[in-house]
Amino acid sequence: METIDGFSGAILVTRGGATVVRASAGVADAETDTACTTDTRFQIASVSKQFTAASVMLLAEEGKVGLHDPVARWLTDCPHRWRTLTLHQLLSHTSGLGHWRDLPGFDVDHPGDAHSFLERFAEVPLRTAPGSTWHYSSPGYLLAALIVERVTGQRYADFLTEQVLGPLGMTSTCVGETPLELAARGYRDGRRVDVPEFAAMPGTGDLWSTVGELARYTAAFNAGDLLTASSRKAMVAPHASMAGAWGTDGPALAESYGYGYALGTLAGHAMRFHIGDNPGYQSFLGWLPAHDTTVVILSNNEEPGLDDVLRRLEPVLLEAVGEPCEASTPAPDANQGPHAPEET
């Protein structure tokens, strides 16, 4: 695979559990001159949303929440315009709620805490009638995480750790605050970006993980180690058309949205995926079901964009799923030392 200019982060591609590409490059922390490795933990940004959706589905399986009940059942203090919204709408981005920047004056680098944000966001009118249109809304997932907290009486981070991460053995994955070890700092134009309050917004983009553990999570989800077959089916069903909202000219094309997953194609192959973008970080997690191929990209640099990385990966992916590509080159050696830059 060709070197990707400016890429800092880690990449993992597996097929049927076997490693196809395992690579890293760049600097995890410029102050300590620590290199990124495939064991480095990155903010996974909105890839976190599938974990939020899985948490809600666990409660639904226990009969503690109903996906089509109004959120006012749990959020008695919510604004009148939100009272008829449902968890189904929040998880499928069809609630009519806007995204971060629909709040006038919102600054992604200085977002404030979750409580104060929701207080201000409550004054923002719905963009569309609930249930009518897909519109990406991280605040909708913030509300979903708040409902998890109200139902369980736990912090969302504690519930997720105890009910999802712990049972799956995801010991390198954590929620909220920056981990003390093996954590990549985020960068923008060569400058460090520190926005801990944005990364700590529950349910939206608040997980730290590694490429290996995200691949493990995908395999566990598919194997039914976390949710029942009916819950998994609901999460990956096409609940709303995305109408070209993501990837209209990129290698990853989204057609519809489930719960925490976009459904579409990569290089012409059906794929379930999600992208993420936090200040200083980018992420991608995708699974090609026909080939049991998982693609994980985690970066602590806002450039190059994910489309550029996926385009460089495309020859390797096509070869992995049995489509020879003239431009393909051997995958990087998976046995490089942990402190040596791994080719990407």
C-alpha atoms as a PDB file:
ATOM      1  CA  MET A   1       0.000   0.000   0.000  1.00  0.00           C
ATOM      2  CA  GLU A   2       1.276   3.443  -0.892  1.00  0.00           C
ATOM      3  CA  THR A   3       2.444   5.883   1.745  1.00  0.00           C
ATOM      4  CA  ILE A   4      -0.245   8.442   2.598  1.00  0.00           C
ATOM      5  CA  ASP A   5       1.295  11.890   2.907  1.00  0.00           C
ATOM      6  CA  GLY A   6       0.459  13.530   6.201  1.00  0.00           C
ATOM      7  CA  PHE A   7      -1.386  10.565   7.662  1.00  0.00           C
ATOM      8  CA  SER A   8      -0.945  10.088  11.385  1.00  0.00           C
ATOM      9  CA  GLY A   9      -2.743   7.193  12.999  1.00  0.00           C
ATOM     10  CA  ALA A  10      -3.390   3.481  12.639  1.00  0.00           C
ATOM     11  CA  ILE A  11      -5.083   1.236  10.090  1.00  0.00           C
ATOM     12  CA  LEU A  12      -6.327  -2.332  10.383  1.00  0.00           C
ATOM     13  CA  VAL A  13      -8.005  -4.450   7.717  1.00  0.00           C
ATOM     14  CA  THR A  14      -9.080  -7.994   8.529  1.00  0.00           C
ATOM     15  CA  ARG A  15     -10.864 -10.694   6.587  1.00  0.00           C
ATOM     16  CA  GLY A  16     -12.432 -13.607   8.401  1.00  0.00           C
ATOM     17  CA  GLY A  17     -10.386 -12.676  11.469  1.00  0.00           C
ATOM     18  CA  ALA A  18      -7.080 -12.781   9.568  1.00  0.00           C
ATOM     19  CA  THR A  19      -5.006  -9.606   9.241  1.00  0.00           C
ATOM     20  CA  VAL A  20      -4.724  -8.123   5.747  1.00  0.00           C
ATOM     21  CA  VAL A  21      -3.269  -4.718   6.688  1.00  0.00           C
ATOM     22  CA  ARG A  22      -1.922  -3.636  10.068  1.00  0.00           C
ATOM     23  CA  ALA A  23      -0.144  -0.304   9.824  1.00  0.00           C
ATOM     24  CA  SER A  24       0.575   2.944  11.614  1.00  0.00           C
ATOM     25  CA  ALA A  25       2.425   6.182  10.989  1.00  0.00           C
ATOM     26  CA  GLY A  26       2.957   9.610  12.455  1.00  0.00           C
ATOM     27  CA  VAL A  27       3.259  10.977  15.961  1.00  0.00           C
ATOM     28  CA  ALA A  28       0.868  10.242  18.811  1.00  0.00           C
ATOM     29  CA  ASP A  29       2.338  13.008  20.990  1.00  0.00           C
ATOM     30  CA  ALA A  30       4.727  15.579  19.544  1.00  0.00           C
ATOM     31  CA  GLU A  31       5.827  16.783  22.997  1.00  0.00           C
ATOM     32  CA  THR A  32       7.153  13.361  23.960  1.00  0.00           C
ATOM     33  CA  ASP A  33       7.996  12.317  20.384  1.00  0.00           C
ATOM     34  CA  THR A  34       5.862   9.212  20.830  1.00  0.00           C
ATOM     35  CA  ALA A  35       5.011   7.392  17.610  1.00  0.00           C
ATOM     36  CA  CYS A  36       1.557   6.111  16.722  1.00  0.00           C
ATOM     37  CA  THR A  37       1.263   2.332  16.799  1.00  0.00           C
ATOM     38  CA  THR A  38      -1.629  -0.034  16.312  1.00  0.00           C
ATOM     39  CA  ASP A  39      -1.928  -0.183  20.118  1.00  0.00           C
ATOM     40  CA  THR A  40      -2.404   3.589  20.403  1.00  0.00           C
ATOM     41  CA  ARG A  41      -5.779   4.763  21.660  1.00  0.00           C
ATOM     42  CA  PHE A  42      -7.570   7.444  19.645  1.00  0.00           C
ATOM     43  CA  GLN A  43     -10.814   9.324  20.048  1.00  0.00           C
ATOM     44  CA  ILE A  44     -13.130   7.364  17.766  1.00  0.00           C
ATOM     45  CA  ALA A  45     -15.532  10.319  17.438  1.00  0.00           C
ATOM     46  CA  SER A  46     -18.923   9.380  15.964  1.00  0.00           C
ATOM     47  CA  VAL A  47     -17.986   5.735  15.524  1.00  0.00           C
ATOM     48  CA  SER A  48     -19.022   5.846  19.211  1.00  0.00           C
ATOM     49  CA  LYS A  49     -22.660   6.114  18.113  1.00  0.00           C
ATOM     50  CA  GLN A  50     -23.012   2.386  17.408  1.00  0.00           C
ATOM     51  CA  PHE A  51     -22.097   1.797  21.054  1.00  0.00           C
ATOM     52  CA  THR A  52     -24.785   4.273  22.135  1.00  0.00           C
ATOM     53  CA  ALA A  53     -27.330   2.466  19.979  1.00  0.00           C
ATOM     54  CA  ALA A  54     -26.241  -0.911  21.351  1.00  0.00           C
ATOM     55  CA  SER A  55     -26.670   0.409  24.903  1.00  0.00           C
ATOM     56  CA  VAL A  56     -30.245   1.469  24.128  1.00  0.00           C
ATOM     57  CA  MET A  57     -30.956  -1.898  22.525  1.00  0.00           C
ATOM     58  CA  LEU A  58     -29.743  -3.697  25.662  1.00  0.00           C
ATOM     59  CA  LEU A  59     -32.306  -1.737  27.681  1.00  0.00           C
ATOM     60  CA  ALA A  60     -34.988  -2.427  25.082  1.00  0.00           C
ATOM     61  CA  GLU A  61     -34.282  -6.161  25.342  1.00  0.00           C
ATOM     62  CA  GLU A  62     -34.934  -5.922  29.082  1.00  0.00           C
ATOM     63  CA  GLY A  63     -38.175  -4.042  28.499  1.00  0.00           C
ATOM     64  CA  LYS A  64     -36.843  -0.951  30.250  1.00  0.00           C
ATOM     65  CA  VAL A  65     -37.341   1.310  27.211  1.00  0.00           C
ATOM     66  CA  GLY A  66     -39.578   1.224  24.174  1.00  0.00           C
ATOM     67  CA  LEU A  67     -38.063   2.447  20.929  1.00  0.00           C
ATOM     68  CA  HIS A  68     -41.312   4.076  19.836  1.00  0.00           C
ATOM     69  CA  ASP A  69     -42.345   5.562  23.186  1.00  0.00           C
ATOM     70  CA  PRO A  70     -42.080   9.359  23.511  1.00  0.00           C
ATOM     71  CA  VAL A  71     -38.899  10.524  25.240  1.00  0.00           C
ATOM     72  CA  ALA A  72     -41.011  12.497  27.711  1.00  0.00           C
ATOM     73  CA  ARG A  73     -41.542   9.145  29.440  1.00  0.00           C
ATOM     74  CA  TRP A  74     -37.963   9.448  30.735  1.00  0.00           C
ATOM     75  CA  LEU A  75     -37.150  13.130  30.223  1.00  0.00           C
ATOM     76  CA  THR A  76     -39.955  14.805  32.110  1.00  0.00           C
ATOM     77  CA  ASP A  77     -38.057  18.091  32.018  1.00  0.00           C
ATOM     78  CA  CYS A  78     -37.552  18.155  28.239  1.00  0.00           C
ATOM     79  CA  PRO A  79     -38.871  21.038  26.128  1.00  0.00           C
ATOM     80  CA  HIS A  80     -42.407  20.778  24.766  1.00  0.00           C
ATOM     81  CA  ARG A  81     -41.186  20.458  21.160  1.00  0.00           C
ATOM     82  CA  TRP A  82     -39.119  17.391  22.124  1.00  0.00           C
ATOM     83  CA  ARG A  83     -41.741  15.558  24.144  1.00  0.00           C
ATOM     84  CA  THR A  84     -43.119  13.409  21.299  1.00  0.00           C
ATOM     85  CA  LEU A  85     -39.725  12.433  19.899  1.00  0.00           C
ATOM     86  CA  THR A  86     -38.852   8.735  20.169  1.00  0.00           C
ATOM     87  CA  LEU A  87     -35.671   6.742  20.682  1.00  0.00           C
ATOM     88  CA  HIS A  88     -36.199   5.275  17.222  1.00  0.00           C
ATOM     89  CA  GLN A  89     -36.067   8.788  15.793  1.00  0.00           C
ATOM     90  CA  LEU A  90     -33.042   9.800  17.859  1.00  0.00           C
ATOM     91  CA  LEU A  91     -31.056   6.698  16.866  1.00  0.00           C
ATOM     92  CA  SER A  92     -31.994   6.914  13.171  1.00  0.00           C
ATOM     93  CA  HIS A  93     -31.428  10.700  12.932  1.00  0.00           C
ATOM     94  CA  THR A  94     -35.057  11.313  11.960  1.00  0.00           C
ATOM     95  CA  SER A  95     -36.103  13.308  15.036  1.00  0.00           C
ATOM     96  CA  GLY A  96     -35.878  16.688  13.314  1.00  0.00           C
ATOM     97  CA  LEU A  97     -33.223  17.828  15.782  1.00  0.00           C
ATOM     98  CA  GLY A  98     -30.340  19.771  14.310  1.00  0.00           C
ATOM     99  CA  HIS A  99     -26.611  19.184  14.609  1.00  0.00           C
ATOM    100  CA  TRP A 100     -24.050  21.065  16.741  1.00  0.00           C
ATOM    101  CA  ARG A 101     -23.775  24.113  14.513  1.00  0.00           C
ATOM    102  CA  ASP A 102     -27.527  24.610  14.382  1.00  0.00           C
ATOM    103  CA  LEU A 103     -27.074  26.241  17.791  1.00  0.00           C
ATOM    104  CA  PRO A 104     -26.269  29.911  17.069  1.00  0.00           C
ATOM    105  CA  GLY A 105     -22.785  30.815  18.248  1.00  0.00           C
ATOM    106  CA  PHE A 106     -21.727  27.208  18.841  1.00  0.00           C
ATOM    107  CA  ASP A 107     -17.940  26.771  18.809  1.00  0.00           C
ATOM    108  CA  VAL A 108     -16.787  23.179  18.429  1.00  0.00           C
ATOM    109  CA  ASP A 109     -13.520  24.045  20.163  1.00  0.00           C
ATOM    110  CA  HIS A 110     -15.387  25.557  23.167  1.00  0.00           C
ATOM    111  CA  PRO A 111     -18.676  23.648  23.382  1.00  0.00           C
ATOM    112  CA  GLY A 112     -19.296  23.823  27.122  1.00  0.00           C
ATOM    113  CA  ASP A 113     -20.642  20.871  29.102  1.00  0.00           C
ATOM    114  CA  ALA A 114     -23.492  18.594  28.029  1.00  0.00           C
ATOM    115  CA  HIS A 115     -26.045  20.067  30.452  1.00  0.00           C
ATOM    116  CA  SER A 116     -25.480  23.696  29.452  1.00  0.00           C
ATOM    117  CA  PHE A 117     -25.437  22.754  25.789  1.00  0.00           C
ATOM    118  CA  LEU A 118     -28.831  21.025  25.997  1.00  0.00           C
ATOM    119  CA  GLU A 119     -30.292  23.984  27.864  1.00  0.00           C
ATOM    120  CA  ARG A 120     -29.285  26.291  25.023  1.00  0.00           C
ATOM    121  CA  PHE A 121     -30.131  23.779  22.299  1.00  0.00           C
ATOM    122  CA  ALA A 122     -33.671  23.454  23.670  1.00  0.00           C
ATOM    123  CA  GLU A 123     -34.365  26.891  22.170  1.00  0.00           C
ATOM    124  CA  VAL A 124     -33.481  25.748  18.635  1.00  0.00           C
ATOM    125  CA  PRO A 125     -36.539  24.886  16.493  1.00  0.00           C
ATOM    126  CA  LEU A 126     -36.737  21.445  14.900  1.00  0.00           C
ATOM    127  CA  ARG A 127     -35.416  21.397  11.357  1.00  0.00           C
ATOM    128  CA  THR A 128     -38.163  19.093  10.094  1.00  0.00           C
ATOM    129  CA  ALA A 129     -41.244  17.303  11.397  1.00  0.00           C
ATOM    130  CA  PRO A 130     -40.262  14.319  13.587  1.00  0.00           C
ATOM    131  CA  GLY A 131     -40.035  11.086  11.620  1.00  0.00           C
ATOM    132  CA  SER A 132     -40.094  12.744   8.203  1.00  0.00           C
ATOM    133  CA  THR A 133     -36.484  13.293   7.131  1.00  0.00           C
ATOM    134  CA  TRP A 134     -32.957  12.084   7.881  1.00  0.00           C
ATOM    135  CA  HIS A 135     -30.713  14.797   9.258  1.00  0.00           C
ATOM    136  CA  TYR A 136     -27.544  13.986  11.160  1.00  0.00           C
ATOM    137  CA  SER A 137     -27.870  15.006  14.814  1.00  0.00           C
ATOM    138  CA  SER A 138     -25.272  14.357  17.475  1.00  0.00           C
ATOM    139  CA  PRO A 139     -27.478  16.185  20.000  1.00  0.00           C
ATOM    140  CA  GLY A 140     -30.040  13.445  19.352  1.00  0.00           C
ATOM    141  CA  TYR A 141     -27.504  10.881  20.534  1.00  0.00           C
ATOM    142  CA  LEU A 142     -26.714  13.064  23.528  1.00  0.00           C
ATOM    143  CA  LEU A 143     -30.389  12.780  24.465  1.00  0.00           C
ATOM    144  CA  ALA A 144     -30.275   9.000  23.922  1.00  0.00           C
ATOM    145  CA  ALA A 145     -27.339   8.728  26.332  1.00  0.00           C
ATOM    146  CA  LEU A 146     -29.196  10.902  28.838  1.00  0.00           C
ATOM    147  CA  ILE A 147     -32.141   8.504  28.652  1.00  0.00           C
ATOM    148  CA  VAL A 148     -29.768   5.599  29.369  1.00  0.00           C
ATOM    149  CA  GLU A 149     -28.670   7.485  32.479  1.00  0.00           C
ATOM    150  CA  ARG A 150     -32.226   8.251  33.599  1.00  0.00           C
ATOM    151  CA  VAL A 151     -33.361   4.642  33.126  1.00  0.00           C
ATOM    152  CA  THR A 152     -30.368   2.971  34.776  1.00  0.00           C
ATOM    153  CA  GLY A 153     -29.465   5.516  37.438  1.00  0.00           C
ATOM    154  CA  GLN A 154     -25.843   5.275  36.263  1.00  0.00           C
ATOM    155  CA  ARG A 155     -23.522   7.546  34.364  1.00  0.00           C
ATOM    156  CA  TYR A 156     -23.613   6.599  30.712  1.00  0.00           C
ATOM    157  CA  ALA A 157     -19.860   5.888  30.804  1.00  0.00           C
ATOM    158  CA  ASP A 158     -20.313   3.452  33.701  1.00  0.00           C
ATOM    159  CA  PHE A 159     -23.209   1.629  32.059  1.00  0.00           C
ATOM    160  CA  LEU A 160     -21.325   1.255  28.788  1.00  0.00           C
ATOM    161  CA  THR A 161     -18.199   0.035  30.560  1.00  0.00           C
ATOM    162  CA  GLU A 162     -20.063  -2.499  32.694  1.00  0.00           C
ATOM    163  CA  GLN A 163     -22.546  -3.785  30.106  1.00  0.00           C
ATOM    164  CA  VAL A 164     -20.604  -3.600  26.829  1.00  0.00           C
ATOM    165  CA  LEU A 165     -16.865  -3.009  27.088  1.00  0.00           C
ATOM    166  CA  GLY A 166     -16.207  -5.229  30.103  1.00  0.00           C
ATOM    167  CA  PRO A 167     -18.142  -8.297  28.898  1.00  0.00           C
ATOM    168  CA  LEU A 168     -16.423  -8.098  25.504  1.00  0.00           C
ATOM    169  CA  GLY A 169     -12.951  -7.805  27.048  1.00  0.00           C
ATOM    170  CA  MET A 170     -12.328  -4.385  25.512  1.00  0.00           C
ATOM    171  CA  THR A 171      -9.790  -3.353  28.147  1.00  0.00           C
ATOM    172  CA  SER A 172      -8.074  -0.734  25.967  1.00  0.00           C
ATOM    173  CA  THR A 173     -11.347   1.055  25.227  1.00  0.00           C
ATOM    174  CA  CYS A 174     -12.594   3.725  27.624  1.00  0.00           C
ATOM    175  CA  VAL A 175     -15.241   6.416  27.793  1.00  0.00           C
ATOM    176  CA  GLY A 176     -14.934  10.147  28.348  1.00  0.00           C
ATOM    177  CA  GLU A 177     -11.687  11.448  29.792  1.00  0.00           C
ATOM    178  CA  THR A 178      -8.347  11.082  28.018  1.00  0.00           C
ATOM    179  CA  PRO A 179      -6.700   7.796  29.071  1.00  0.00           C
ATOM    180  CA  LEU A 180      -3.443   8.133  30.940  1.00  0.00           C
ATOM    181  CA  GLU A 181      -1.514   5.680  28.751  1.00  0.00           C
ATOM    182  CA  LEU A 182      -1.109   5.127  25.005  1.00  0.00           C
ATOM    183  CA  ALA A 183      -3.357   8.039  24.071  1.00  0.00           C
ATOM    184  CA  ALA A 184      -2.871   9.996  20.852  1.00  0.00           C
ATOM    185  CA  ARG A 185      -3.129  13.766  21.077  1.00  0.00           C
ATOM    186  CA  GLY A 186      -5.192  15.444  18.370  1.00  0.00           C
ATOM    187  CA  TYR A 187      -3.642  17.832  15.844  1.00  0.00           C
ATOM    188  CA  ARG A 188      -4.829  20.417  13.340  1.00  0.00           C
ATOM    189  CA  ASP A 189      -2.389  22.083  10.944  1.00  0.00           C
ATOM    190  CA  GLY A 190       0.488  20.848  13.089  1.00  0.00           C
ATOM    191  CA  ARG A 191      -0.952  22.347  16.277  1.00  0.00           C
ATOM    192  CA  ARG A 192      -2.274  20.324  19.178  1.00  0.00           C
ATOM    193  CA  VAL A 193      -6.046  20.440  19.661  1.00  0.00           C
ATOM    194  CA  ASP A 194      -7.401  19.911  23.172  1.00  0.00           C
ATOM    195  CA  VAL A 195     -11.196  19.867  23.533  1.00  0.00           C
ATOM    196  CA  PRO A 196     -11.864  17.455  26.400  1.00  0.00           C
ATOM    197  CA  GLU A 197     -15.391  18.743  27.015  1.00  0.00           C
ATOM    198  CA  PHE A 198     -16.416  17.987  23.430  1.00  0.00           C
ATOM    199  CA  ALA A 199     -14.987  14.471  23.631  1.00  0.00           C
ATOM    200  CA  ALA A 200     -16.871  13.950  26.897  1.00  0.00           C
ATOM    201  CA  MET A 201     -20.348  14.630  25.454  1.00  0.00           C
ATOM    202  CA  PRO A 202     -22.020  11.308  26.398  1.00  0.00           C
ATOM    203  CA  GLY A 203     -23.179   9.104  23.552  1.00  0.00           C
ATOM    204  CA  THR A 204     -21.951  11.298  20.716  1.00  0.00           C
ATOM    205  CA  GLY A 205     -18.224  10.776  20.209  1.00  0.00           C
ATOM    206  CA  ASP A 206     -16.865  10.016  23.652  1.00  0.00           C
ATOM    207  CA  LEU A 207     -14.994   6.720  23.252  1.00  0.00           C
ATOM    208  CA  TRP A 208     -11.265   6.077  23.019  1.00  0.00           C
ATOM    209  CA  SER A 209     -10.197   2.826  21.395  1.00  0.00           C
ATOM    210  CA  THR A 210      -7.668   1.010  19.217  1.00  0.00           C
ATOM    211  CA  VAL A 211      -7.984  -0.388  15.726  1.00  0.00           C
ATOM    212  CA  GLY A 212      -7.723  -3.918  17.107  1.00  0.00           C
ATOM    213  CA  GLU A 213     -10.494  -3.524  19.662  1.00  0.00           C
ATOM    214  CA  LEU A 214     -12.863  -1.954  17.146  1.00  0.00           C
ATOM    215  CA  ALA A 215     -12.294  -4.919  14.840  1.00  0.00           C
ATOM    216  CA  ARG A 216     -12.937  -7.202  17.820  1.00  0.00           C
ATOM    217  CA  TYR A 217     -16.149  -5.331  18.632  1.00  0.00           C
ATOM    218  CA  THR A 218     -17.367  -5.741  15.053  1.00  0.00           C
ATOM    219  CA  ALA A 219     -16.723  -9.490  15.180  1.00  0.00           C
ATOM    220  CA  ALA A 220     -18.469  -9.776  18.572  1.00  0.00           C
ATOM    221  CA  PHE A 221     -21.484  -7.800  17.339  1.00  0.00           C
ATOM    222  CA  ASN A 222     -21.787 -10.016  14.278  1.00  0.00           C
ATOM    223  CA  ALA A 223     -21.441 -13.196  16.347  1.00  0.00           C
ATOM    224  CA  GLY A 224     -24.274 -12.212  18.689  1.00  0.00           C
ATOM    225  CA  ASP A 225     -22.015 -11.876  21.723  1.00  0.00           C
ATOM    226  CA  LEU A 226     -23.743  -8.664  22.787  1.00  0.00           C
ATOM    227  CA  LEU A 227     -27.282  -8.436  21.399  1.00  0.00           C
ATOM    228  CA  THR A 228     -30.040 -10.748  20.242  1.00  0.00           C
ATOM    229  CA  ALA A 229     -30.583 -11.403  16.546  1.00  0.00           C
ATOM    230  CA  SER A 230     -33.687  -9.187  16.493  1.00  0.00           C
ATOM    231  CA  SER A 231     -31.803  -6.277  18.096  1.00  0.00           C
ATOM    232  CA  ARG A 232     -28.938  -6.594  15.628  1.00  0.00           C
ATOM    233  CA  LYS A 233     -31.407  -6.755  12.760  1.00  0.00           C
ATOM    234  CA  ALA A 234     -33.062  -3.556  13.979  1.00  0.00           C
ATOM    235  CA  MET A 235     -29.716  -1.756  14.225  1.00  0.00           C
ATOM    236  CA  VAL A 236     -28.696  -2.545  10.657  1.00  0.00           C
ATOM    237  CA  ALA A 237     -32.116  -2.104   9.022  1.00  0.00           C
ATOM    238  CA  PRO A 238     -32.439   0.856   6.601  1.00  0.00           C
ATOM    239  CA  HIS A 239     -34.690   3.104   8.671  1.00  0.00           C
ATOM    240  CA  ALA A 240     -34.109   6.296   6.702  1.00  0.00           C
ATOM    241  CA  SER A 241     -32.754   7.299   3.322  1.00  0.00           C
ATOM    242  CA  MET A 242     -29.628   9.398   3.519  1.00  0.00           C
ATOM    243  CA  ALA A 243     -30.108  10.612  -0.050  1.00  0.00           C
ATOM    244  CA  GLY A 244     -26.416  11.094  -0.743  1.00  0.00           C
ATOM    245  CA  ALA A 245     -25.758  12.937   2.504  1.00  0.00           C
ATOM    246  CA  TRP A 246     -22.402  11.166   2.939  1.00  0.00           C
ATOM    247  CA  GLY A 247     -19.874  10.155   0.338  1.00  0.00           C
ATOM    248  CA  THR A 248     -21.508  11.328  -2.868  1.00  0.00           C
ATOM    249  CA  ASP A 249     -18.077  11.514  -4.528  1.00  0.00           C
ATOM    250  CA  GLY A 250     -15.967   9.331  -2.230  1.00  0.00           C
ATOM    251  CA  PRO A 251     -15.158   5.629  -2.079  1.00  0.00           C
ATOM    252  CA  ALA A 252     -17.586   5.084   0.839  1.00  0.00           C
ATOM    253  CA  LEU A 253     -21.150   5.766  -0.301  1.00  0.00           C
ATOM    254  CA  ALA A 254     -23.997   5.891   2.222  1.00  0.00           C
ATOM    255  CA  GLU A 255     -27.525   5.081   1.077  1.00  0.00           C
ATOM    256  CA  SER A 256     -29.497   4.707   4.317  1.00  0.00           C
ATOM    257  CA  TYR A 257     -29.136   4.756   8.083  1.00  0.00           C
ATOM    258  CA  GLY A 258     -29.971   2.213  10.771  1.00  0.00           C
ATOM    259  CA  TYR A 259     -29.189   2.762  14.454  1.00  0.00           C
ATOM    260  CA  GLY A 260     -25.583   3.975  14.731  1.00  0.00           C
ATOM    261  CA  TYR A 261     -24.694   2.576  11.311  1.00  0.00           C
ATOM    262  CA  ALA A 262     -24.765   3.913   7.774  1.00  0.00           C
ATOM    263  CA  LEU A 263     -25.600   1.342   5.120  1.00  0.00           C
ATOM    264  CA  GLY A 264     -24.039   1.655   1.693  1.00  0.00           C
ATOM    265  CA  THR A 265     -21.036   0.550  -0.343  1.00  0.00           C
ATOM    266  CA  LEU A 266     -17.253   0.703  -0.404  1.00  0.00           C
ATOM    267  CA  ALA A 267     -15.557   0.172  -3.760  1.00  0.00           C
ATOM    268  CA  GLY A 268     -18.856  -1.230  -5.045  1.00  0.00           C
ATOM    269  CA  HIS A 269     -19.297  -3.755  -2.219  1.00  0.00           C
ATOM    270  CA  ALA A 270     -22.136  -3.620   0.317  1.00  0.00           C
ATOM    271  CA  MET A 271     -20.902  -2.199   3.598  1.00  0.00           C
ATOM    272  CA  ARG A 272     -22.107  -1.206   7.048  1.00  0.00           C
ATOM    273  CA  PHE A 273     -20.034   1.689   8.377  1.00  0.00           C
ATOM    274  CA  HIS A 274     -19.670   4.925  10.270  1.00  0.00           C
ATOM    275  CA  ILE A 275     -17.337   7.879  10.028  1.00  0.00           C
ATOM    276  CA  GLY A 276     -16.209  10.173  12.815  1.00  0.00           C
ATOM    277  CA  ASP A 277     -14.778  13.667  13.081  1.00  0.00           C
ATOM    278  CA  ASN A 278     -13.848  15.268  16.414  1.00  0.00           C
ATOM    279  CA  PRO A 279     -11.504  18.244  16.789  1.00  0.00           C
ATOM    280  CA  GLY A 280      -8.076  16.777  16.033  1.00  0.00           C
ATOM    281  CA  TYR A 281      -9.331  13.267  15.209  1.00  0.00           C
ATOM    282  CA  GLN A 282     -10.896  11.261  12.379  1.00  0.00           C
ATOM    283  CA  SER A 283     -12.252   7.727  12.390  1.00  0.00           C
ATOM    284  CA  PHE A 284     -13.788   5.091  10.151  1.00  0.00           C
ATOM    285  CA  LEU A 285     -15.152   1.641  10.933  1.00  0.00           C
ATOM    286  CA  GLY A 286     -16.701  -0.460   8.202  1.00  0.00           C
ATOM    287  CA  TRP A 287     -17.674  -4.082   7.603  1.00  0.00           C
ATOM    288  CA  LEU A 288     -18.244  -5.739   4.221  1.00  0.00           C
ATOM    289  CA  PRO A 289     -20.627  -8.621   5.016  1.00  0.00           C
ATOM    290  CA  ALA A 290     -20.205 -10.608   1.801  1.00  0.00           C
ATOM    291  CA  HIS A 291     -16.472 -10.896   2.486  1.00  0.00           C
ATOM    292  CA  ASP A 292     -16.378 -10.650   6.305  1.00  0.00           C
ATOM    293  CA  THR A 293     -13.883  -7.817   5.858  1.00  0.00           C
ATOM    294  CA  THR A 294     -13.463  -5.130   8.513  1.00  0.00           C
ATOM    295  CA  VAL A 295     -11.787  -1.775   7.853  1.00  0.00           C
ATOM    296  CA  VAL A 296     -10.658   0.431  10.748  1.00  0.00           C
ATOM    297  CA  ILE A 297      -8.961   3.818  10.360  1.00  0.00           C
ATOM    298  CA  LEU A 298      -8.118   5.996  13.358  1.00  0.00           C
ATOM    299  CA  SER A 299      -6.240   9.267  12.968  1.00  0.00           C
ATOM    300  CA  ASN A 300      -5.090  12.041  15.288  1.00  0.00           C
ATOM    301  CA  ASN A 301      -4.719  14.562  12.477  1.00  0.00           C
ATOM    302  CA  GLU A 302      -7.487  16.406  10.642  1.00  0.00           C
ATOM    303  CA  GLU A 303      -5.622  16.032   7.330  1.00  0.00           C
ATOM    304  CA  PRO A 304      -5.583  14.108   5.036  1.00  0.00           C
ATOM    305  CA  GLY A 305      -9.304  13.395   4.871  1.00  0.00           C
ATOM    306  CA  LEU A 306     -10.733   9.907   5.270  1.00  0.00           C
ATOM    307  CA  ASP A 307     -11.632   9.750   1.579  1.00  0.00           C
ATOM    308  CA  ASP A 308      -7.937  10.132   0.705  1.00  0.00           C
ATOM    309  CA  VAL A 309      -7.003   7.296   3.046  1.00  0.00           C
ATOM    310  CA  LEU A 310      -9.766   5.028   1.732  1.00  0.00           C
ATOM    311  CA  ARG A 311      -8.716   5.689  -1.861  1.00  0.00           C
ATOM    312  CA  ARG A 312      -5.163   4.588  -1.031  1.00  0.00           C
ATOM    313  CA  LEU A 313      -6.562   1.512   0.719  1.00  0.00           C
ATOM    314  CA  GLU A 314      -8.886   0.610  -2.137  1.00  0.00           C
ATOM    315  CA  PRO A 315      -6.407  -1.537  -4.117  1.00  0.00           C
ATOM    316  CA  VAL A 316      -5.626  -3.601  -1.027  1.00  0.00           C
ATOM    317  CA  LEU A 317      -9.323  -3.962  -0.236  1.00  0.00           C
ATOM    318  CA  LEU A 318     -10.170  -5.091  -3.737  1.00  0.00           C
ATOM    319  CA  GLU A 319      -7.403  -7.657  -3.584  1.00  0.00           C
ATOM    320  CA  ALA A 320      -8.612  -8.810  -0.164  1.00  0.00           C
ATOM    321  CA  VAL A 321     -12.122  -9.482  -1.461  1.00  0.00           C
ATOM    322  CA  GLY A 322     -10.848 -11.314  -4.500  1.00  0.00           C
ATOM    323  CA  GLU A 323     -10.707  -8.594  -7.124  1.00  0.00           C
ATOM    324  CA  PRO A 324      -7.136  -8.168  -8.427  1.00  0.00           C
ATOM    325  CA  CYS A 325      -6.112  -4.578  -8.963  1.00  0.00           C
ATOM    326  CA  GLU A 326      -3.152  -3.600 -11.145  1.00  0.00           C
ATOM    327  CA  ALA A 327      -2.156  -0.844  -8.738  1.00  0.00           C
ATOM    328  CA  SER A 328      -2.082  -3.057  -5.659  1.00  0.00           C
ATOM    329  CA  THR A 329       1.115  -3.636  -3.699  1.00  0.00           C
ATOM    330  CA  PRO A 330       1.915  -5.985  -0.812  1.00  0.00           C
ATOM    331  CA  ALA A 331       0.393  -5.087   2.548  1.00  0.00           C
ATOM    332  CA  PRO A 332       2.724  -3.752   5.227  1.00  0.00           C
ATOM    333  CA  ASP A 333       4.497  -6.265   7.437  1.00  0.00           C
ATOM    334  CA  ALA A 334       2.353  -6.931  10.502  1.00  0.00           C
ATOM    335  CA  ASN A 335       5.407  -7.832  12.579  1.00  0.00           C
ATOM    336  CA  GLN A 336       7.175  -4.489  12.676  1.00  0.00           C
ATOM    337  CA  GLY A 337       8.433  -3.350  16.061  1.00  0.00           C
ATOM    338  CA  PRO A 338       6.078  -1.286  18.198  1.00  0.00           C
ATOM    339  CA  HIS A 339       8.274   1.823  18.055  1.00  0.00           C
ATOM    340  CA  ALA A 340       9.052   1.725  14.335  1.00  0.00           C
ATOM    341  CA  PRO A 341       6.830   3.722  11.976  1.00  0.00           C
ATOM    342  CA  GLU A 342       4.616   1.234  10.195  1.00  0.00           C
ATOM    343  CA  GLU A 343       4.073   1.914   6.515  1.00  0.00           C
ATOM    344  CA  THR A 344       0.633   3.145   5.473  1.00  0.00           C
END
